[in-house]
C-alpha atoms as a PDB file:
ATOM      1  CA  ASN A   1     -12.890  -4.979  22.430  1.00  0.00           C
ATOM      2  CA  THR A   2      -9.664  -2.803  22.628  1.00  0.00           C
ATOM      3  CA  HIS A   3     -10.274  -0.938  19.177  1.00  0.00           C
ATOM      4  CA  PHE A   4     -12.684   2.051  18.678  1.00  0.00           C
ATOM      5  CA  VAL A   5     -13.424   4.175  15.502  1.00  0.00           C
ATOM      6  CA  LEU A   6     -14.873   7.542  14.667  1.00  0.00           C
ATOM      7  CA  ASP A   7     -18.320   6.807  13.148  1.00  0.00           C
ATOM      8  CA  GLY A   8     -20.208   9.853  12.074  1.00  0.00           C
ATOM      9  CA  ASP A   9     -20.052  12.253  15.188  1.00  0.00           C
ATOM     10  CA  SER A  10     -19.312   9.740  17.825  1.00  0.00           C
ATOM     11  CA  ILE A  11     -16.564   7.218  18.899  1.00  0.00           C
ATOM     12  CA  LYS A  12     -17.843   3.751  18.959  1.00  0.00           C
ATOM     13  CA  GLN A  13     -16.398   0.516  20.124  1.00  0.00           C
ATOM     14  CA  MET A  14     -15.428  -1.511  17.014  1.00  0.00           C
ATOM     15  CA  ASP A  15     -17.703  -4.526  16.219  1.00  0.00           C
ATOM     16  CA  LYS A  16     -18.364  -6.650  13.083  1.00  0.00           C
ATOM     17  CA  VAL A  17     -20.772  -4.067  11.449  1.00  0.00           C
ATOM     18  CA  LEU A  18     -18.258  -1.142  11.789  1.00  0.00           C
ATOM     19  CA  LEU A  19     -15.059  -3.377  10.885  1.00  0.00           C
ATOM     20  CA  LYS A  20     -16.960  -4.186   7.566  1.00  0.00           C
ATOM     21  CA  LYS A  21     -18.121  -0.605   7.115  1.00  0.00           C
ATOM     22  CA  TYR A  22     -14.403   0.838   7.411  1.00  0.00           C
ATOM     23  CA  SER A  23     -12.048  -2.046   6.257  1.00  0.00           C
ATOM     24  CA  ASP A  24     -13.303  -1.974   2.517  1.00  0.00           C
ATOM     25  CA  ASN A  25     -13.889  -5.938   3.124  1.00  0.00           C
ATOM     26  CA  THR A  26      -9.991  -6.421   2.787  1.00  0.00           C
ATOM     27  CA  TYR A  27      -7.641  -7.547   5.880  1.00  0.00           C
ATOM     28  CA  THR A  28      -3.997  -6.275   5.329  1.00  0.00           C
ATOM     29  CA  THR A  29      -0.987  -7.729   7.056  1.00  0.00           C
ATOM     30  CA  ILE A  30       2.547  -8.278   6.524  1.00  0.00           C
ATOM     31  CA  CYS A  31       4.669 -11.335   6.389  1.00  0.00           C
ATOM     32  CA  VAL A  32       8.038 -10.149   5.603  1.00  0.00           C
ATOM     33  CA  ARG A  33       9.793  -7.015   7.365  1.00  0.00           C
ATOM     34  CA  GLY A  34      12.416  -5.315   5.298  1.00  0.00           C
ATOM     35  CA  CYS A  35      13.713  -5.869   1.706  1.00  0.00           C
ATOM     36  CA  PRO A  36      16.958  -7.276   0.269  1.00  0.00           C
ATOM     37  CA  PHE A  37      17.361  -4.546  -2.370  1.00  0.00           C
ATOM     38  CA  THR A  38      18.762  -1.147  -2.085  1.00  0.00           C
ATOM     39  CA  CYS A  39      16.357   0.870  -4.284  1.00  0.00           C
ATOM     40  CA  THR A  40      17.688   4.421  -3.871  1.00  0.00           C
ATOM     41  CA  TYR A  41      14.153   6.185  -3.366  1.00  0.00           C
ATOM     42  CA  CYS A  42      13.101   3.813  -0.615  1.00  0.00           C
ATOM     43  CA  CYS A  43      13.181   3.810   2.998  1.00  0.00           C
ATOM     44  CA  ASN A  44      14.532   0.253   3.257  1.00  0.00           C
ATOM     45  CA  ASP A  45      17.844   1.477   1.774  1.00  0.00           C
ATOM     46  CA  THR A  46      18.114   4.022   4.529  1.00  0.00           C
ATOM     47  CA  PHE A  47      17.411   1.364   7.324  1.00  0.00           C
ATOM     48  CA  ASN A  48      19.956  -0.969   5.782  1.00  0.00           C
ATOM     49  CA  THR A  49      22.364   1.980   5.723  1.00  0.00           C
ATOM     50  CA  LEU A  50      21.709   2.803   9.433  1.00  0.00           C
ATOM     51  CA  TYR A  51      21.853  -0.804  10.635  1.00  0.00           C
ATOM     52  CA  PRO A  52      24.182  -2.448   8.378  1.00  0.00           C
ATOM     53  CA  LYS A  53      24.959  -5.405  10.721  1.00  0.00           C
ATOM     54  CA  GLU A  54      21.368  -6.144  11.256  1.00  0.00           C
ATOM     55  CA  LYS A  55      19.315  -8.714   8.975  1.00  0.00           C
ATOM     56  CA  ARG A  56      17.966  -6.953   5.990  1.00  0.00           C
ATOM     57  CA  VAL A  57      15.111  -9.405   5.728  1.00  0.00           C
ATOM     58  CA  ARG A  58      12.982 -10.951   8.565  1.00  0.00           C
ATOM     59  CA  LYS A  59      10.379 -13.538   7.599  1.00  0.00           C
ATOM     60  CA  ARG A  60       7.563 -14.634   9.801  1.00  0.00           C
ATOM     61  CA  SER A  61       7.184 -18.257   9.886  1.00  0.00           C
ATOM     62  CA  ILE A  62       4.510 -20.021   7.657  1.00  0.00           C
ATOM     63  CA  ASP A  63       2.670 -21.399  10.726  1.00  0.00           C
ATOM     64  CA  ASN A  64       2.513 -17.826  12.304  1.00  0.00           C
ATOM     65  CA  VAL A  65       1.104 -16.254   9.198  1.00  0.00           C
ATOM     66  CA  ILE A  66      -1.429 -19.046   8.743  1.00  0.00           C
ATOM     67  CA  SER A  67      -2.609 -18.736  12.550  1.00  0.00           C
ATOM     68  CA  GLU A  68      -3.255 -14.986  12.070  1.00  0.00           C
ATOM     69  CA  LEU A  69      -5.348 -15.540   8.946  1.00  0.00           C
ATOM     70  CA  VAL A  70      -7.298 -18.491  10.534  1.00  0.00           C
ATOM     71  CA  LYS A  71      -8.339 -16.199  13.356  1.00  0.00           C
ATOM     72  CA  ILE A  72      -9.360 -13.442  10.682  1.00  0.00           C
ATOM     73  CA  LYS A  73     -11.504 -16.009   8.569  1.00  0.00           C
ATOM     74  CA  GLU A  74     -13.288 -16.895  11.757  1.00  0.00           C
ATOM     75  CA  LEU A  75     -14.588 -13.231  12.060  1.00  0.00           C
ATOM     76  CA  GLY A  76     -16.461 -13.708   8.885  1.00  0.00           C
ATOM     77  CA  VAL A  77     -16.097 -10.049   7.738  1.00  0.00           C
ATOM     78  CA  PHE A  78     -13.159  -9.909   5.206  1.00  0.00           C
ATOM     79  CA  GLU A  79     -13.444 -10.917   1.621  1.00  0.00           C
ATOM     80  CA  ASN A  80      -9.810 -10.638   0.654  1.00  0.00           C
ATOM     81  CA  ILE A  81      -6.468 -10.764   2.197  1.00  0.00           C
ATOM     82  CA  ARG A  82      -3.763  -8.573   1.292  1.00  0.00           C
ATOM     83  CA  PHE A  83      -0.029  -9.174   2.098  1.00  0.00           C
ATOM     84  CA  ASP A  84       1.494  -5.426   2.110  1.00  0.00           C
ATOM     85  CA  ASP A  85       4.984  -6.794   2.019  1.00  0.00           C
ATOM     86  CA  ASP A  86       7.912  -4.809   0.084  1.00  0.00           C
ATOM     87  CA  GLU A  87       9.056  -8.211  -1.356  1.00  0.00           C
ATOM     88  CA  PHE A  88       7.089 -11.399  -0.594  1.00  0.00           C
ATOM     89  CA  PHE A  89       8.736 -13.561  -2.981  1.00  0.00           C
ATOM     90  CA  VAL A  90      11.741 -13.769  -0.962  1.00  0.00           C
ATOM     91  CA  TYR A  91      10.159 -16.869   0.580  1.00  0.00           C
ATOM     92  CA  SER A  92      11.806 -19.927  -1.121  1.00  0.00           C
ATOM     93  CA  VAL A  93       9.758 -22.170  -3.271  1.00  0.00           C
ATOM     94  CA  LYS A  94       9.526 -24.749  -0.454  1.00  0.00           C
ATOM     95  CA  GLU A  95       8.222 -21.944   2.051  1.00  0.00           C
ATOM     96  CA  ILE A  96       5.719 -20.856  -0.682  1.00  0.00           C
ATOM     97  CA  GLU A  97       4.427 -24.395  -1.393  1.00  0.00           C
ATOM     98  CA  GLU A  98       4.026 -25.175   2.402  1.00  0.00           C
ATOM     99  CA  PHE A  99       1.967 -21.721   2.719  1.00  0.00           C
ATOM    100  CA  SER A 100       0.014 -22.262  -0.323  1.00  0.00           C
ATOM    101  CA  GLU A 101      -1.216 -25.876   0.848  1.00  0.00           C
ATOM    102  CA  LYS A 102      -2.233 -24.486   4.306  1.00  0.00           C
ATOM    103  CA  TYR A 103      -3.596 -21.476   2.851  1.00  0.00           C
ATOM    104  CA  LYS A 104      -5.962 -23.346   0.533  1.00  0.00           C
ATOM    105  CA  ASN A 105      -7.168 -25.913   3.129  1.00  0.00           C
ATOM    106  CA  LEU A 106      -7.438 -23.526   6.273  1.00  0.00           C
ATOM    107  CA  VAL A 107      -8.094 -19.964   4.678  1.00  0.00           C
ATOM    108  CA  GLY A 108      -9.325 -20.153   1.166  1.00  0.00           C
ATOM    109  CA  ILE A 109     -10.163 -16.374   0.927  1.00  0.00           C
ATOM    110  CA  PRO A 110      -8.819 -14.569  -2.230  1.00  0.00           C
ATOM    111  CA  LEU A 111      -5.354 -13.300  -1.725  1.00  0.00           C
ATOM    112  CA  ILE A 112      -3.665  -9.985  -3.136  1.00  0.00           C
ATOM    113  CA  ILE A 113       0.051  -9.597  -3.176  1.00  0.00           C
ATOM    114  CA  PRO A 114       1.130  -5.974  -4.200  1.00  0.00           C
ATOM    115  CA  GLY A 115       4.860  -6.623  -3.197  1.00  0.00           C
ATOM    116  CA  VAL A 116       6.225  -8.479  -6.407  1.00  0.00           C
ATOM    117  CA  THR A 117       9.728  -7.827  -7.964  1.00  0.00           C
ATOM    118  CA  PRO A 118      10.512  -9.563 -11.259  1.00  0.00           C
ATOM    119  CA  ALA A 119      13.840 -10.450  -9.870  1.00  0.00           C
ATOM    120  CA  THR A 120      12.381 -12.829  -7.270  1.00  0.00           C
ATOM    121  CA  MET A 121       9.085 -13.945  -8.905  1.00  0.00           C
ATOM    122  CA  THR A 122       9.199 -17.218 -10.755  1.00  0.00           C
ATOM    123  CA  GLU A 123       6.361 -19.601 -12.164  1.00  0.00           C
ATOM    124  CA  GLU A 124       7.744 -22.185  -9.600  1.00  0.00           C
ATOM    125  CA  LYS A 125       6.705 -19.741  -6.846  1.00  0.00           C
ATOM    126  CA  LEU A 126       3.674 -18.222  -8.499  1.00  0.00           C
ATOM    127  CA  ALA A 127       1.617 -21.324  -9.560  1.00  0.00           C
ATOM    128  CA  PRO A 128       0.959 -22.877  -5.982  1.00  0.00           C
ATOM    129  CA  LEU A 129      -0.066 -19.429  -4.940  1.00  0.00           C
ATOM    130  CA  ILE A 130      -2.598 -19.009  -7.575  1.00  0.00           C
ATOM    131  CA  ASP A 131      -3.893 -22.591  -6.811  1.00  0.00           C
ATOM    132  CA  ALA A 132      -4.289 -21.426  -3.305  1.00  0.00           C
ATOM    133  CA  GLY A 133      -6.274 -18.383  -4.272  1.00  0.00           C
ATOM    134  CA  LEU A 134      -4.005 -15.623  -5.202  1.00  0.00           C
ATOM    135  CA  LYS A 135      -6.055 -13.310  -7.458  1.00  0.00           C
ATOM    136  CA  TYR A 136      -4.087 -10.058  -8.144  1.00  0.00           C
ATOM    137  CA  VAL A 137      -0.414  -8.892  -7.789  1.00  0.00           C
ATOM    138  CA  ARG A 138       1.206  -5.559  -8.339  1.00  0.00           C
ATOM    139  CA  VAL A 139       4.762  -5.552  -9.679  1.00  0.00           C
ATOM    140  CA  GLY A 140       7.474  -3.043  -9.313  1.00  0.00           C
ATOM    141  CA  VAL A 141       8.839  -1.976 -12.572  1.00  0.00           C
ATOM    142  CA  GLN A 142       9.401   1.691 -12.006  1.00  0.00           C
ATOM    143  CA  SER A 143      11.283   2.651 -15.263  1.00  0.00           C
ATOM    144  CA  GLY A 144      12.297   1.062 -18.590  1.00  0.00           C
ATOM    145  CA  SER A 145      15.296   3.427 -18.777  1.00  0.00           C
ATOM    146  CA  LYS A 146      18.471   1.845 -18.272  1.00  0.00           C
ATOM    147  CA  ARG A 147      20.032   5.051 -17.076  1.00  0.00           C
ATOM    148  CA  SER A 148      17.278   5.285 -14.651  1.00  0.00           C
ATOM    149  CA  LEU A 149      17.355   1.805 -13.297  1.00  0.00           C
ATOM    150  CA  SER A 150      21.080   2.314 -12.575  1.00  0.00           C
ATOM    151  CA  LEU A 151      20.185   5.393 -10.789  1.00  0.00           C
ATOM    152  CA  TYR A 152      17.407   3.769  -8.883  1.00  0.00           C
ATOM    153  CA  ARG A 153      19.635   0.565  -8.204  1.00  0.00           C
ATOM    154  CA  ARG A 154      16.610  -1.470  -9.467  1.00  0.00           C
ATOM    155  CA  PRO A 155      17.344  -5.338  -9.078  1.00  0.00           C
ATOM    156  CA  CYS A 156      15.908  -6.464 -12.479  1.00  0.00           C
ATOM    157  CA  THR A 157      16.275  -5.768 -16.073  1.00  0.00           C
ATOM    158  CA  ASN A 158      13.803  -5.056 -18.786  1.00  0.00           C
ATOM    159  CA  GLU A 159      14.316  -8.655 -19.962  1.00  0.00           C
ATOM    160  CA  GLN A 160      13.169  -9.962 -16.399  1.00  0.00           C
ATOM    161  CA  VAL A 161      10.113  -7.525 -16.565  1.00  0.00           C
ATOM    162  CA  ILE A 162       8.981  -9.010 -19.882  1.00  0.00           C
ATOM    163  CA  ASN A 163       9.563 -12.534 -18.712  1.00  0.00           C
ATOM    164  CA  SER A 164       7.569 -12.078 -15.400  1.00  0.00           C
ATOM    165  CA  ALA A 165       4.653 -10.520 -17.444  1.00  0.00           C
ATOM    166  CA  LYS A 166       4.577 -13.603 -19.652  1.00  0.00           C
ATOM    167  CA  ILE A 167       4.613 -15.796 -16.799  1.00  0.00           C
ATOM    168  CA  LEU A 168       1.649 -13.844 -15.349  1.00  0.00           C
ATOM    169  CA  ASN A 169      -0.030 -13.887 -18.582  1.00  0.00           C
ATOM    170  CA  LYS A 170      -0.202 -17.635 -18.608  1.00  0.00           C
ATOM    171  CA  PHE A 171      -2.474 -17.686 -15.738  1.00  0.00           C
ATOM    172  CA  LYS A 172      -4.663 -14.915 -17.032  1.00  0.00           C
ATOM    173  CA  ASP A 173      -7.604 -16.950 -16.795  1.00  0.00           C
ATOM    174  CA  LYS A 174      -7.206 -17.312 -13.055  1.00  0.00           C
ATOM    175  CA  LEU A 175      -5.514 -13.935 -12.092  1.00  0.00           C
ATOM    176  CA  ASP A 176      -7.002 -10.408 -12.514  1.00  0.00           C
ATOM    177  CA  PRO A 177      -4.977  -8.237 -14.762  1.00  0.00           C
ATOM    178  CA  PRO A 178      -1.541  -7.514 -13.083  1.00  0.00           C
ATOM    179  CA  CYS A 179      -0.569  -3.979 -12.240  1.00  0.00           C
ATOM    180  CA  TYR A 180       2.825  -2.483 -12.833  1.00  0.00           C
ATOM    181  CA  ASP A 181       4.181   0.475 -10.795  1.00  0.00           C
ATOM    182  CA  ILE A 182       5.797   3.345 -12.483  1.00  0.00           C
ATOM    183  CA  ILE A 183       7.585   6.469 -11.296  1.00  0.00           C
ATOM    184  CA  LEU A 184       6.981   9.758 -12.925  1.00  0.00           C
ATOM    185  CA  ASP A 185       8.338  13.080 -12.426  1.00  0.00           C
ATOM    186  CA  SER A 186      12.100  12.085 -11.728  1.00  0.00           C
ATOM    187  CA  PRO A 187      14.147  15.317 -11.946  1.00  0.00           C
ATOM    188  CA  TRP A 188      16.892  13.184 -13.382  1.00  0.00           C
ATOM    189  CA  GLU A 189      14.675  11.581 -16.425  1.00  0.00           C
ATOM    190  CA  ASP A 190      14.091  13.484 -19.707  1.00  0.00           C
ATOM    191  CA  GLU A 191      11.752  12.599 -22.664  1.00  0.00           C
ATOM    192  CA  SER A 192      14.186   9.919 -23.791  1.00  0.00           C
ATOM    193  CA  ASP A 193      13.945   7.954 -20.618  1.00  0.00           C
ATOM    194  CA  LEU A 194      10.075   8.153 -20.701  1.00  0.00           C
ATOM    195  CA  LYS A 195      10.163   6.960 -24.308  1.00  0.00           C
ATOM    196  CA  GLU A 196      12.267   3.857 -23.143  1.00  0.00           C
ATOM    197  CA  THR A 197       9.794   3.149 -20.420  1.00  0.00           C
ATOM    198  CA  LEU A 198       6.669   3.419 -22.706  1.00  0.00           C
ATOM    199  CA  ALA A 199       8.708   1.087 -25.368  1.00  0.00           C
ATOM    200  CA  LEU A 200       8.982  -1.437 -22.500  1.00  0.00           C
ATOM    201  CA  LEU A 201       5.352  -1.399 -21.682  1.00  0.00           C
ATOM    202  CA  VAL A 202       3.800  -1.882 -24.819  1.00  0.00           C
ATOM    203  CA  LYS A 203       5.775  -5.040 -25.352  1.00  0.00           C
ATOM    204  CA  LEU A 204       3.709  -6.435 -22.273  1.00  0.00           C
ATOM    205  CA  PRO A 205       0.870  -8.892 -22.782  1.00  0.00           C
ATOM    206  CA  VAL A 206      -2.388  -7.345 -22.318  1.00  0.00           C
ATOM    207  CA  PRO A 207      -4.549  -7.171 -20.105  1.00  0.00           C
ATOM    208  CA  PHE A 208      -2.651  -4.900 -17.510  1.00  0.00           C
ATOM    209  CA  ALA A 209      -3.025  -1.891 -15.513  1.00  0.00           C
ATOM    210  CA  LEU A 210      -0.405   0.694 -14.542  1.00  0.00           C
ATOM    211  CA  SER A 211      -0.186   2.388 -11.070  1.00  0.00           C
ATOM    212  CA  MET A 212       1.851   5.773 -11.539  1.00  0.00           C
ATOM    213  CA  PHE A 213       3.487   7.468  -8.675  1.00  0.00           C
ATOM    214  CA  SER A 214       5.099  11.014  -8.889  1.00  0.00           C
ATOM    215  CA  MET A 215       8.688  10.668  -7.421  1.00  0.00           C
ATOM    216  CA  THR A 216       8.682  11.863  -3.840  1.00  0.00           C
ATOM    217  CA  LEU A 217      12.022  12.471  -2.438  1.00  0.00           C
ATOM    218  CA  TYR A 218      11.736  11.126   1.184  1.00  0.00           C
ATOM    219  CA  PRO A 219      14.316  12.588   3.707  1.00  0.00           C
ATOM    220  CA  SER A 220      17.537  10.398   4.375  1.00  0.00           C
ATOM    221  CA  THR A 221      17.095   8.349   1.253  1.00  0.00           C
ATOM    222  CA  PHE A 222      19.813   8.356  -1.306  1.00  0.00           C
ATOM    223  CA  LEU A 223      17.925  10.431  -3.931  1.00  0.00           C
ATOM    224  CA  TYR A 224      16.841  12.867  -1.557  1.00  0.00           C
ATOM    225  CA  ASP A 225      20.451  13.706  -0.511  1.00  0.00           C
ATOM    226  CA  LYS A 226      21.483  13.664  -4.156  1.00  0.00           C
ATOM    227  CA  ALA A 227      18.718  16.264  -4.920  1.00  0.00           C
ATOM    228  CA  LEU A 228      19.666  18.223  -2.015  1.00  0.00           C
ATOM    229  CA  ARG A 229      23.374  18.384  -3.261  1.00  0.00           C
ATOM    230  CA  GLU A 230      22.396  19.303  -6.824  1.00  0.00           C
ATOM    231  CA  GLY A 231      20.088  22.277  -5.691  1.00  0.00           C
ATOM    232  CA  ILE A 232      16.905  20.244  -6.883  1.00  0.00           C
ATOM    233  CA  ILE A 233      15.214  20.893  -3.706  1.00  0.00           C
ATOM    234  CA  LYS A 234      16.303  23.026  -0.692  1.00  0.00           C
ATOM    235  CA  GLY A 235      14.978  21.048   2.278  1.00  0.00           C
ATOM    236  CA  GLU A 236      12.378  18.683   3.854  1.00  0.00           C
ATOM    237  CA  GLN A 237       9.592  21.502   3.592  1.00  0.00           C
ATOM    238  CA  GLU A 238       9.188  20.873  -0.073  1.00  0.00           C
ATOM    239  CA  ILE A 239       8.521  17.097   0.616  1.00  0.00           C
ATOM    240  CA  TYR A 240       5.845  17.061   3.198  1.00  0.00           C
ATOM    241  CA  GLY A 241       3.431  18.899   1.085  1.00  0.00           C
ATOM    242  CA  LYS A 242       3.945  16.733  -1.742  1.00  0.00           C
ATOM    243  CA  TYR A 243       1.349  14.043  -2.653  1.00  0.00           C
ATOM    244  CA  TYR A 244       2.625  11.124  -4.700  1.00  0.00           C
ATOM    245  CA  TYR A 245      -0.558  10.805  -6.733  1.00  0.00           C
ATOM    246  CA  GLU A 246      -0.321  14.591  -8.011  1.00  0.00           C
ATOM    247  CA  TYR A 247       1.699  14.482 -11.307  1.00  0.00           C
ATOM    248  CA  LYS A 248       3.064  17.133 -13.491  1.00  0.00           C
ATOM    249  CA  LYS A 249       0.612  17.729 -16.493  1.00  0.00           C
ATOM    250  CA  THR A 250       3.003  17.024 -19.232  1.00  0.00           C
ATOM    251  CA  TYR A 251       2.155  15.233 -22.467  1.00  0.00           C
ATOM    252  CA  MET A 252       4.574  12.324 -21.728  1.00  0.00           C
ATOM    253  CA  ASN A 253       2.884  11.603 -18.340  1.00  0.00           C
ATOM    254  CA  LYS A 254      -0.611  11.681 -20.195  1.00  0.00           C
ATOM    255  CA  LEU A 255       0.755   8.971 -22.548  1.00  0.00           C
ATOM    256  CA  PHE A 256       1.171   6.570 -19.459  1.00  0.00           C
ATOM    257  CA  PHE A 257      -2.535   7.151 -18.576  1.00  0.00           C
ATOM    258  CA  LEU A 258      -3.649   6.657 -22.018  1.00  0.00           C
ATOM    259  CA  LEU A 259      -1.803   3.300 -22.134  1.00  0.00           C
ATOM    260  CA  THR A 260      -3.413   2.154 -19.270  1.00  0.00           C
ATOM    261  CA  ASP A 261      -6.833   3.083 -20.269  1.00  0.00           C
ATOM    262  CA  TYR A 262      -6.401   0.661 -23.098  1.00  0.00           C
ATOM    263  CA  THR A 263      -4.328  -2.131 -21.679  1.00  0.00           C
ATOM    264  CA  SER A 264      -6.503  -2.530 -18.521  1.00  0.00           C
ATOM    265  CA  ARG A 265      -9.250  -3.238 -20.995  1.00  0.00           C
ATOM    266  CA  GLY A 266      -7.271  -5.836 -22.893  1.00  0.00           C
ATOM    267  CA  VAL A 267      -6.616  -3.515 -25.941  1.00  0.00           C
ATOM    268  CA  ARG A 268      -2.838  -3.427 -27.177  1.00  0.00           C
ATOM    269  CA  ILE A 269      -0.963  -0.295 -28.105  1.00  0.00           C
ATOM    270  CA  THR A 270       1.705  -1.415 -30.462  1.00  0.00           C
ATOM    271  CA  SER A 271       5.252  -0.188 -30.580  1.00  0.00           C
ATOM    272  CA  GLN A 272       4.398   1.523 -33.920  1.00  0.00           C
ATOM    273  CA  THR A 273       1.358   3.397 -32.499  1.00  0.00           C
ATOM    274  CA  MET A 274       3.626   4.373 -29.526  1.00  0.00           C
ATOM    275  CA  GLY A 275       6.316   5.520 -31.635  1.00  0.00           C
ATOM    276  CA  ILE A 276       3.620   7.943 -33.517  1.00  0.00           C
ATOM    277  CA  LEU A 277       2.386   9.099 -30.085  1.00  0.00           C
ATOM    278  CA  THR A 278       5.965   9.985 -28.765  1.00  0.00           C
ATOM    279  CA  GLY A 279       6.598  11.855 -32.219  1.00  0.00           C
ATOM    280  CA  ARG A 280       6.126  15.547 -33.083  1.00  0.00           C
ATOM    281  CA  LEU A 281       2.494  15.073 -34.299  1.00  0.00           C
ATOM    282  CA  GLY A 282       1.754  12.551 -31.537  1.00  0.00           C
ATOM    283  CA  TRP A 283      -0.851  14.668 -29.947  1.00  0.00           C
ATOM    284  CA  ILE A 284      -3.237  14.249 -33.120  1.00  0.00           C
ATOM    285  CA  LEU A 285      -3.355  10.634 -32.538  1.00  0.00           C
ATOM    286  CA  TYR A 286      -3.749  11.044 -28.830  1.00  0.00           C
ATOM    287  CA  GLY A 287      -6.699  13.201 -29.234  1.00  0.00           C
ATOM    288  CA  ILE A 288      -8.216  10.501 -31.559  1.00  0.00           C
ATOM    289  CA  LEU A 289      -7.474   7.505 -29.145  1.00  0.00           C
ATOM    290  CA  LYS A 290      -9.016   9.506 -26.187  1.00  0.00           C
ATOM    291  CA  LEU A 291     -12.198   9.873 -28.184  1.00  0.00           C
ATOM    292  CA  TRP A 292     -12.314   6.340 -28.766  1.00  0.00           C
ATOM    293  CA  LEU A 293     -12.182   5.742 -25.021  1.00  0.00           C
ATOM    294  CA  ILE A 294     -15.514   7.304 -24.505  1.00  0.00           C
ATOM    295  CA  PRO A 295     -17.803   4.529 -25.278  1.00  0.00           C
ATOM    296  CA  ILE A 296     -15.363   1.969 -23.947  1.00  0.00           C
ATOM    297  CA  LYS A 297     -15.146   3.546 -20.520  1.00  0.00           C
ATOM    298  CA  LEU A 298     -18.907   3.957 -20.429  1.00  0.00           C
ATOM    299  CA  HIS A 299     -19.691   0.317 -21.236  1.00  0.00           C
ATOM    300  CA  TYR A 300     -17.129  -0.562 -18.254  1.00  0.00           C
ATOM    301  CA  ARG A 301     -18.545   1.655 -15.752  1.00  0.00           C
ATOM    302  CA  VAL A 302     -22.254   0.608 -16.397  1.00  0.00           C
ATOM    303  CA  ARG A 303     -21.303  -2.882 -16.321  1.00  0.00           C
ATOM    304  CA  TYR A 304     -19.455  -2.570 -13.014  1.00  0.00           C
ATOM    305  CA  LEU A 305     -22.277  -0.879 -11.328  1.00  0.00           C
ATOM    306  CA  ILE A 306     -24.677  -3.403 -12.601  1.00  0.00           C
ATOM    307  CA  ARG A 307     -22.544  -6.589 -11.470  1.00  0.00           C
ATOM    308  CA  GLY A 308     -21.743  -4.887  -8.105  1.00  0.00           C
ATOM    309  CA  ALA A 309     -25.556  -3.925  -7.442  1.00  0.00           C
ATOM    310  CA  VAL A 310     -26.587  -7.441  -8.101  1.00  0.00           C
ATOM    311  CA  ARG A 311     -23.919  -9.152  -6.057  1.00  0.00           C
ATOM    312  CA  ASP A 312     -24.305  -6.832  -3.012  1.00  0.00           C
ATOM    313  CA  ALA A 313     -28.207  -6.937  -3.206  1.00  0.00           C
ATOM    314  CA  ARG A 314     -28.327 -10.715  -2.794  1.00  0.00           C
ATOM    315  CA  ARG A 315     -26.468  -9.830   0.531  1.00  0.00           C
ATOM    316  CA  TRP A 316     -28.602  -6.946   1.470  1.00  0.00           C
ATOM    317  CA  ASP A 317     -25.169  -5.078   1.597  1.00  0.00           C
ATOM    318  CA  TRP A 318     -25.534  -1.613   0.141  1.00  0.00           C
ATOM    319  CA  THR A 319     -22.017  -0.281   1.455  1.00  0.00           C
ATOM    320  CA  ARG A 320     -20.113  -0.558  -1.818  1.00  0.00           C
ATOM    321  CA  ILE A 321     -23.099   0.901  -3.885  1.00  0.00           C
ATOM    322  CA  LYS A 322     -23.234   3.963  -1.663  1.00  0.00           C
ATOM    323  CA  ARG A 323     -19.522   4.298  -1.837  1.00  0.00           C
ATOM    324  CA  PHE A 324     -19.923   4.397  -5.735  1.00  0.00           C
ATOM    325  CA  PHE A 325     -22.312   7.204  -5.853  1.00  0.00           C
ATOM    326  CA  VAL A 326     -20.489   9.115  -3.217  1.00  0.00           C
ATOM    327  CA  LYS A 327     -17.256   8.735  -5.597  1.00  0.00           C
ATOM    328  CA  GLU A 328     -19.384   9.589  -8.682  1.00  0.00           C
ATOM    329  CA  ARG A 329     -20.485  13.017  -7.140  1.00  0.00           C
ATOM    330  CA  ARG A 330     -16.965  14.221  -6.577  1.00  0.00           C
ATOM    331  CA  PHE A 331     -16.240  14.157 -10.390  1.00  0.00           C
END
């Protein structure tokens, strides 16, 4: 009763109908504040530097989290729960086992965890979560370049990334295809660094998707200060107008999108194929592979629409179908 929303031309008091309309059927919360790592592009590194004597990580108790989610379930509005933590897997095995048991018995709504790092995710932690209802994870990879990983102070190696991908693949019958985060447009990366990242990604078991972010140098982070010193940027005014989903239109960037177009559909691009794509005449093969995508994409889009329409029609819910057609008119 204390929340209001702009619906059309008027402000209305939030109710279950409006909550479902604007929430995309997913409830988002956090279980962990802060992060134990010091990635140089991230605000957490800045916070840790500002407050060196404070705890880097503050975890909510399992009962506290479950209590919140039980109340959310009682609303009867949400179809998914999302933990938007920077690093959920800092919880111990014992804590995750306790959470999973209570979540399965008391909540039982499909769970999404986008804050996963290969350095902390283990099969011992993942298995009980999947049994409790975990259906999707997003994993921070960022780069496969050793030089870039050192600059970013990433806490994991390429070997750990591959191992984590293999663990996730063991549960592919229960999990949706995982997503791996990648940073593009770094001013400190050249073509050789991007080739290393692509070489790493083609080693991962399919299916998987990529989520690409154009590097944004947030003020007060280590990389922002470095870019300022080196004359790469002149000040904050260059940052506030930048959108991290706007990528440079380079051939190497296009290869990442081509890769995820195939791997997200379970089609593997081999190391040999990627070697050709990153070579001098790679654009020829790139054009061929793009043409092959046309019937594949058409098939998946039609299947998505039919499945969604049937599922929603059974519940007399036309919200997502309307959203689909609104989105289609934009392109």
